Amino acid sequence: MRHPVPLPQASRLLNHGPTALVASAHGAQRDVMAAAWNMPLDFSPPKVAVVIDKNTFTRGLVEASGTFVLAVPCAAQIDMVVGVGNSSGRELDKYAHWQIGTEPATLVTAPLIQGCLAWLECRIYPEPHNQQTYDLFLAEVVAAWAEDWAFKEGRWQDLPEPQRALHHLGGGNFFTSGGLLQGRPKPA
């Protein structure tokens, strides 16, 4: 079951470097794309960065609405992730084609994609120079969610392979994170 993640902990949903899905919507249009280049930037308020190429359909919807959702898909969704990352929303309704279920977000127009591990609802900081020159979008996380079995008490859980986050290696190749390790600082 999806549960809210306290905003000061929202960075933990991305700090392990997962591939994310960027969900966008404006008016009657919506789209989703895969984004390996995303990261947390700050804790309070929580901020993220994501690269959204100017040639994508998603980019126009994000610019028009000023919002997006970053969703963290799991390994069981790999075919859908590759599919939405290699097609255009101008030519295809990706949600229908890949039978992607959605739920409404709470504070932004973009939907939450069902089956994912976590979601960050984001409002962009208009940075025209960064957006046009580097395709780089900076945004504040205004709401964060995670599956209660995947992220508990501010930490990712040691999940079975199909439920682990995806990490993009290029060329349609991914890996998942291994088992949980916990470091212990040496006493002073």
C-alpha atoms as a PDB file:
ATOM      1  CA  MET A   1       0.000   0.000   0.000  1.00  0.00           C
ATOM      2  CA  ARG A   2       1.246   3.460  -0.897  1.00  0.00           C
ATOM      3  CA  HIS A   3       2.094   5.666   2.073  1.00  0.00           C
ATOM      4  CA  PRO A   4       3.391   9.240   2.337  1.00  0.00           C
ATOM      5  CA  VAL A   5       7.116   9.779   2.741  1.00  0.00           C
ATOM      6  CA  PRO A   6       8.098  12.787   4.884  1.00  0.00           C
ATOM      7  CA  LEU A   7       9.488  15.445   2.562  1.00  0.00           C
ATOM      8  CA  PRO A   8      12.875  15.655   4.345  1.00  0.00           C
ATOM      9  CA  GLN A   9      13.311  11.949   3.432  1.00  0.00           C
ATOM     10  CA  ALA A  10      12.221  12.316  -0.214  1.00  0.00           C
ATOM     11  CA  SER A  11      15.835  12.405  -1.441  1.00  0.00           C
ATOM     12  CA  ARG A  12      16.262   8.819  -0.199  1.00  0.00           C
ATOM     13  CA  LEU A  13      13.818   7.650  -2.865  1.00  0.00           C
ATOM     14  CA  LEU A  14      16.339   8.625  -5.578  1.00  0.00           C
ATOM     15  CA  ASN A  15      19.744   8.704  -3.916  1.00  0.00           C
ATOM     16  CA  HIS A  16      20.566   5.141  -4.993  1.00  0.00           C
ATOM     17  CA  GLY A  17      20.485   6.256  -8.642  1.00  0.00           C
ATOM     18  CA  PRO A  18      17.472   4.406 -10.069  1.00  0.00           C
ATOM     19  CA  THR A  19      16.049   4.859 -13.516  1.00  0.00           C
ATOM     20  CA  ALA A  20      12.878   6.924 -13.156  1.00  0.00           C
ATOM     21  CA  LEU A  21       9.749   7.425 -15.189  1.00  0.00           C
ATOM     22  CA  VAL A  22       8.754  11.033 -15.848  1.00  0.00           C
ATOM     23  CA  ALA A  23       4.963  11.257 -15.960  1.00  0.00           C
ATOM     24  CA  SER A  24       3.501  14.458 -17.383  1.00  0.00           C
ATOM     25  CA  ALA A  25       0.081  15.870 -18.175  1.00  0.00           C
ATOM     26  CA  HIS A  26      -1.441  19.088 -19.444  1.00  0.00           C
ATOM     27  CA  GLY A  27      -5.067  19.511 -20.404  1.00  0.00           C
ATOM     28  CA  ALA A  28      -6.284  16.278 -21.998  1.00  0.00           C
ATOM     29  CA  GLN A  29      -2.775  15.154 -22.970  1.00  0.00           C
ATOM     30  CA  ARG A  30      -0.418  12.991 -20.943  1.00  0.00           C
ATOM     31  CA  ASP A  31       2.834  11.146 -21.524  1.00  0.00           C
ATOM     32  CA  VAL A  32       5.507   9.138 -19.761  1.00  0.00           C
ATOM     33  CA  MET A  33       9.199   8.717 -20.544  1.00  0.00           C
ATOM     34  CA  ALA A  34      12.138   6.913 -18.967  1.00  0.00           C
ATOM     35  CA  ALA A  35      14.924   9.031 -17.453  1.00  0.00           C
ATOM     36  CA  ALA A  36      18.221   7.601 -16.258  1.00  0.00           C
ATOM     37  CA  TRP A  37      19.598  11.089 -15.637  1.00  0.00           C
ATOM     38  CA  ASN A  38      17.819  12.182 -12.472  1.00  0.00           C
ATOM     39  CA  MET A  39      18.962  12.895  -8.937  1.00  0.00           C
ATOM     40  CA  PRO A  40      18.042  14.450  -5.613  1.00  0.00           C
ATOM     41  CA  LEU A  41      19.482  17.912  -4.925  1.00  0.00           C
ATOM     42  CA  ASP A  42      18.440  19.042  -1.463  1.00  0.00           C
ATOM     43  CA  PHE A  43      16.558  18.108   1.706  1.00  0.00           C
ATOM     44  CA  SER A  44      14.516  21.131   2.764  1.00  0.00           C
ATOM     45  CA  PRO A  45      12.715  21.885   0.666  1.00  0.00           C
ATOM     46  CA  PRO A  46      13.496  18.711  -1.240  1.00  0.00           C
ATOM     47  CA  LYS A  47      14.634  19.328  -4.796  1.00  0.00           C
ATOM     48  CA  VAL A  48      15.413  17.105  -7.776  1.00  0.00           C
ATOM     49  CA  ALA A  49      17.086  17.447 -11.150  1.00  0.00           C
ATOM     50  CA  VAL A  50      16.100  15.572 -14.290  1.00  0.00           C
ATOM     51  CA  VAL A  51      17.175  15.799 -17.925  1.00  0.00           C
ATOM     52  CA  ILE A  52      14.227  16.014 -20.339  1.00  0.00           C
ATOM     53  CA  ASP A  53      15.320  16.346 -23.967  1.00  0.00           C
ATOM     54  CA  LYS A  54      13.701  19.165 -25.916  1.00  0.00           C
ATOM     55  CA  ASN A  55      12.579  16.714 -28.613  1.00  0.00           C
ATOM     56  CA  THR A  56      10.327  14.713 -26.302  1.00  0.00           C
ATOM     57  CA  PHE A  57       6.564  15.041 -26.086  1.00  0.00           C
ATOM     58  CA  THR A  58       6.931  14.909 -22.299  1.00  0.00           C
ATOM     59  CA  ARG A  59       9.023  18.099 -22.357  1.00  0.00           C
ATOM     60  CA  GLY A  60       6.201  20.171 -23.845  1.00  0.00           C
ATOM     61  CA  LEU A  61       3.722  18.894 -21.276  1.00  0.00           C
ATOM     62  CA  VAL A  62       6.118  19.586 -18.383  1.00  0.00           C
ATOM     63  CA  GLU A  63       6.775  23.111 -19.634  1.00  0.00           C
ATOM     64  CA  ALA A  64       3.049  23.778 -20.120  1.00  0.00           C
ATOM     65  CA  SER A  65       1.936  22.408 -16.744  1.00  0.00           C
ATOM     66  CA  GLY A  66       4.996  23.312 -14.683  1.00  0.00           C
ATOM     67  CA  THR A  67       4.798  19.909 -12.968  1.00  0.00           C
ATOM     68  CA  PHE A  68       5.727  16.254 -13.336  1.00  0.00           C
ATOM     69  CA  VAL A  69       5.930  13.047 -11.321  1.00  0.00           C
ATOM     70  CA  LEU A  70       9.120  11.035 -10.964  1.00  0.00           C
ATOM     71  CA  ALA A  71       8.206   7.392 -10.433  1.00  0.00           C
ATOM     72  CA  VAL A  72      10.672   4.657  -9.469  1.00  0.00           C
ATOM     73  CA  PRO A  73       9.771   1.503 -11.446  1.00  0.00           C
ATOM     74  CA  CYS A  74      10.735  -2.009 -10.380  1.00  0.00           C
ATOM     75  CA  ALA A  75      12.512  -4.759 -12.311  1.00  0.00           C
ATOM     76  CA  ALA A  76       9.182  -6.447 -13.106  1.00  0.00           C
ATOM     77  CA  GLN A  77       8.367  -3.353 -15.218  1.00  0.00           C
ATOM     78  CA  ILE A  78      11.524  -3.495 -17.357  1.00  0.00           C
ATOM     79  CA  ASP A  79       9.750  -4.098 -20.692  1.00  0.00           C
ATOM     80  CA  MET A  80       7.421  -1.160 -20.110  1.00  0.00           C
ATOM     81  CA  VAL A  81      10.361   1.069 -19.071  1.00  0.00           C
ATOM     82  CA  VAL A  82      12.287   0.221 -22.245  1.00  0.00           C
ATOM     83  CA  GLY A  83       9.140   0.663 -24.332  1.00  0.00           C
ATOM     84  CA  VAL A  84       8.233   4.119 -23.043  1.00  0.00           C
ATOM     85  CA  GLY A  85      11.881   5.134 -23.304  1.00  0.00           C
ATOM     86  CA  ASN A  86      12.059   4.164 -26.973  1.00  0.00           C
ATOM     87  CA  SER A  87       8.799   5.588 -28.308  1.00  0.00           C
ATOM     88  CA  SER A  88       7.208   8.994 -28.705  1.00  0.00           C
ATOM     89  CA  GLY A  89       3.987  10.183 -27.116  1.00  0.00           C
ATOM     90  CA  ARG A  90       3.348  12.162 -30.304  1.00  0.00           C
ATOM     91  CA  GLU A  91       2.803   8.898 -32.179  1.00  0.00           C
ATOM     92  CA  LEU A  92       1.434   6.586 -29.502  1.00  0.00           C
ATOM     93  CA  ASP A  93      -0.629   6.692 -26.311  1.00  0.00           C
ATOM     94  CA  LYS A  94       1.983   4.977 -24.161  1.00  0.00           C
ATOM     95  CA  TYR A  95      -0.431   4.453 -21.270  1.00  0.00           C
ATOM     96  CA  ALA A  96      -2.844   2.517 -23.486  1.00  0.00           C
ATOM     97  CA  HIS A  97      -0.195   0.657 -25.473  1.00  0.00           C
ATOM     98  CA  TRP A  98       1.620  -0.676 -22.392  1.00  0.00           C
ATOM     99  CA  GLN A  99      -1.561  -0.906 -20.298  1.00  0.00           C
ATOM    100  CA  ILE A 100      -0.103   1.416 -17.669  1.00  0.00           C
ATOM    101  CA  GLY A 101      -2.483   1.978 -14.792  1.00  0.00           C
ATOM    102  CA  THR A 102      -2.525   5.329 -13.066  1.00  0.00           C
ATOM    103  CA  GLU A 103      -3.893   7.071 -10.020  1.00  0.00           C
ATOM    104  CA  PRO A 104      -4.318  10.802  -9.526  1.00  0.00           C
ATOM    105  CA  ALA A 105      -1.492  12.651  -7.826  1.00  0.00           C
ATOM    106  CA  THR A 106      -2.371  14.864  -4.891  1.00  0.00           C
ATOM    107  CA  LEU A 107      -0.729  18.181  -5.810  1.00  0.00           C
ATOM    108  CA  VAL A 108       0.243  18.018  -9.512  1.00  0.00           C
ATOM    109  CA  THR A 109      -1.551  17.243 -12.774  1.00  0.00           C
ATOM    110  CA  ALA A 110       0.662  14.296 -13.805  1.00  0.00           C
ATOM    111  CA  PRO A 111      -0.513  10.847 -12.693  1.00  0.00           C
ATOM    112  CA  LEU A 112       1.083   8.326 -10.355  1.00  0.00           C
ATOM    113  CA  ILE A 113       2.027   5.191 -12.309  1.00  0.00           C
ATOM    114  CA  GLN A 114       0.770   1.984 -10.735  1.00  0.00           C
ATOM    115  CA  GLY A 115       3.206  -0.802  -9.943  1.00  0.00           C
ATOM    116  CA  CYS A 116       6.107   1.498  -9.141  1.00  0.00           C
ATOM    117  CA  LEU A 117       8.044   1.529  -5.882  1.00  0.00           C
ATOM    118  CA  ALA A 118       7.937   5.283  -5.189  1.00  0.00           C
ATOM    119  CA  TRP A 119       6.639   8.578  -6.550  1.00  0.00           C
ATOM    120  CA  LEU A 120       7.743  12.205  -6.197  1.00  0.00           C
ATOM    121  CA  GLU A 121       5.283  14.934  -7.181  1.00  0.00           C
ATOM    122  CA  CYS A 122       7.314  17.871  -8.489  1.00  0.00           C
ATOM    123  CA  ARG A 123       6.855  21.550  -9.426  1.00  0.00           C
ATOM    124  CA  ILE A 124       9.519  22.961 -11.712  1.00  0.00           C
ATOM    125  CA  TYR A 125      11.648  25.965 -10.890  1.00  0.00           C
ATOM    126  CA  PRO A 126      11.607  27.946 -14.125  1.00  0.00           C
ATOM    127  CA  GLU A 127      15.255  28.074 -15.197  1.00  0.00           C
ATOM    128  CA  PRO A 128      15.032  28.913 -18.931  1.00  0.00           C
ATOM    129  CA  HIS A 129      18.801  28.976 -19.458  1.00  0.00           C
ATOM    130  CA  ASN A 130      19.372  25.520 -17.911  1.00  0.00           C
ATOM    131  CA  GLN A 131      16.306  24.066 -19.623  1.00  0.00           C
ATOM    132  CA  GLN A 132      17.195  25.362 -23.097  1.00  0.00           C
ATOM    133  CA  THR A 133      20.966  24.905 -22.924  1.00  0.00           C
ATOM    134  CA  TYR A 134      21.265  21.666 -20.957  1.00  0.00           C
ATOM    135  CA  ASP A 135      17.717  20.163 -21.037  1.00  0.00           C
ATOM    136  CA  LEU A 136      18.034  20.273 -17.232  1.00  0.00           C
ATOM    137  CA  PHE A 137      14.937  20.733 -15.107  1.00  0.00           C
ATOM    138  CA  LEU A 138      15.127  21.595 -11.418  1.00  0.00           C
ATOM    139  CA  ALA A 139      12.035  21.037  -9.323  1.00  0.00           C
ATOM    140  CA  GLU A 140      10.757  21.077  -5.773  1.00  0.00           C
ATOM    141  CA  VAL A 141       9.258  17.854  -4.457  1.00  0.00           C
ATOM    142  CA  VAL A 142       5.840  18.820  -3.083  1.00  0.00           C
ATOM    143  CA  ALA A 143       4.655  15.311  -2.155  1.00  0.00           C
ATOM    144  CA  ALA A 144       6.392  11.937  -1.926  1.00  0.00           C
ATOM    145  CA  TRP A 145       5.033   8.402  -1.711  1.00  0.00           C
ATOM    146  CA  ALA A 146       6.370   4.850  -1.522  1.00  0.00           C
ATOM    147  CA  GLU A 147       5.033   1.348  -1.229  1.00  0.00           C
ATOM    148  CA  ASP A 148       5.018   0.492   2.478  1.00  0.00           C
ATOM    149  CA  TRP A 149       6.656  -2.891   1.847  1.00  0.00           C
ATOM    150  CA  ALA A 150       9.479  -1.297  -0.197  1.00  0.00           C
ATOM    151  CA  PHE A 151      10.362   1.787   1.866  1.00  0.00           C
ATOM    152  CA  LYS A 152       9.845   1.718   5.644  1.00  0.00           C
ATOM    153  CA  GLU A 153      10.972   4.064   8.396  1.00  0.00           C
ATOM    154  CA  GLY A 154      12.942   6.179   5.929  1.00  0.00           C
ATOM    155  CA  ARG A 155      14.839   3.252   4.373  1.00  0.00           C
ATOM    156  CA  TRP A 156      14.632   1.025   1.332  1.00  0.00           C
ATOM    157  CA  GLN A 157      14.042  -2.588   2.241  1.00  0.00           C
ATOM    158  CA  ASP A 158      15.977  -5.619   0.977  1.00  0.00           C
ATOM    159  CA  LEU A 159      13.603  -6.608  -1.815  1.00  0.00           C
ATOM    160  CA  PRO A 160      13.333  -9.692  -4.027  1.00  0.00           C
ATOM    161  CA  GLU A 161      14.775  -9.234  -7.520  1.00  0.00           C
ATOM    162  CA  PRO A 162      11.483  -8.438  -9.367  1.00  0.00           C
ATOM    163  CA  GLN A 163      10.738  -5.666  -6.849  1.00  0.00           C
ATOM    164  CA  ARG A 164      14.149  -3.963  -6.920  1.00  0.00           C
ATOM    165  CA  ALA A 165      14.776  -0.653  -8.649  1.00  0.00           C
ATOM    166  CA  LEU A 166      16.317  -0.566 -12.123  1.00  0.00           C
ATOM    167  CA  HIS A 167      19.651   1.071 -12.932  1.00  0.00           C
ATOM    168  CA  HIS A 168      20.325   1.872 -16.599  1.00  0.00           C
ATOM    169  CA  LEU A 169      23.618   0.788 -18.172  1.00  0.00           C
ATOM    170  CA  GLY A 170      22.837   1.942 -21.736  1.00  0.00           C
ATOM    171  CA  GLY A 171      21.733   0.079 -24.843  1.00  0.00           C
ATOM    172  CA  GLY A 172      18.621  -1.365 -23.192  1.00  0.00           C
ATOM    173  CA  ASN A 173      20.670  -2.976 -20.416  1.00  0.00           C
ATOM    174  CA  PHE A 174      19.887  -2.587 -16.724  1.00  0.00           C
ATOM    175  CA  PHE A 175      20.934  -4.020 -13.404  1.00  0.00           C
ATOM    176  CA  THR A 176      19.259  -4.051 -10.023  1.00  0.00           C
ATOM    177  CA  SER A 177      20.825  -3.278  -6.696  1.00  0.00           C
ATOM    178  CA  GLY A 178      21.988  -6.269  -4.686  1.00  0.00           C
ATOM    179  CA  GLY A 179      21.218  -7.191  -1.119  1.00  0.00           C
ATOM    180  CA  LEU A 180      21.217  -4.740   1.732  1.00  0.00           C
ATOM    181  CA  LEU A 181      24.532  -3.930   3.410  1.00  0.00           C
ATOM    182  CA  GLN A 182      24.825  -1.716   6.443  1.00  0.00           C
ATOM    183  CA  GLY A 183      27.998   0.173   7.295  1.00  0.00           C
ATOM    184  CA  ARG A 184      28.971   0.919  10.862  1.00  0.00           C
ATOM    185  CA  PRO A 185      31.225   3.849  11.656  1.00  0.00           C
ATOM    186  CA  LYS A 186      34.372   3.098  13.628  1.00  0.00           C
ATOM    187  CA  PRO A 187      34.139   4.494  17.168  1.00  0.00           C
ATOM    188  CA  ALA A 188      36.281   7.552  17.775  1.00  0.00           C
END
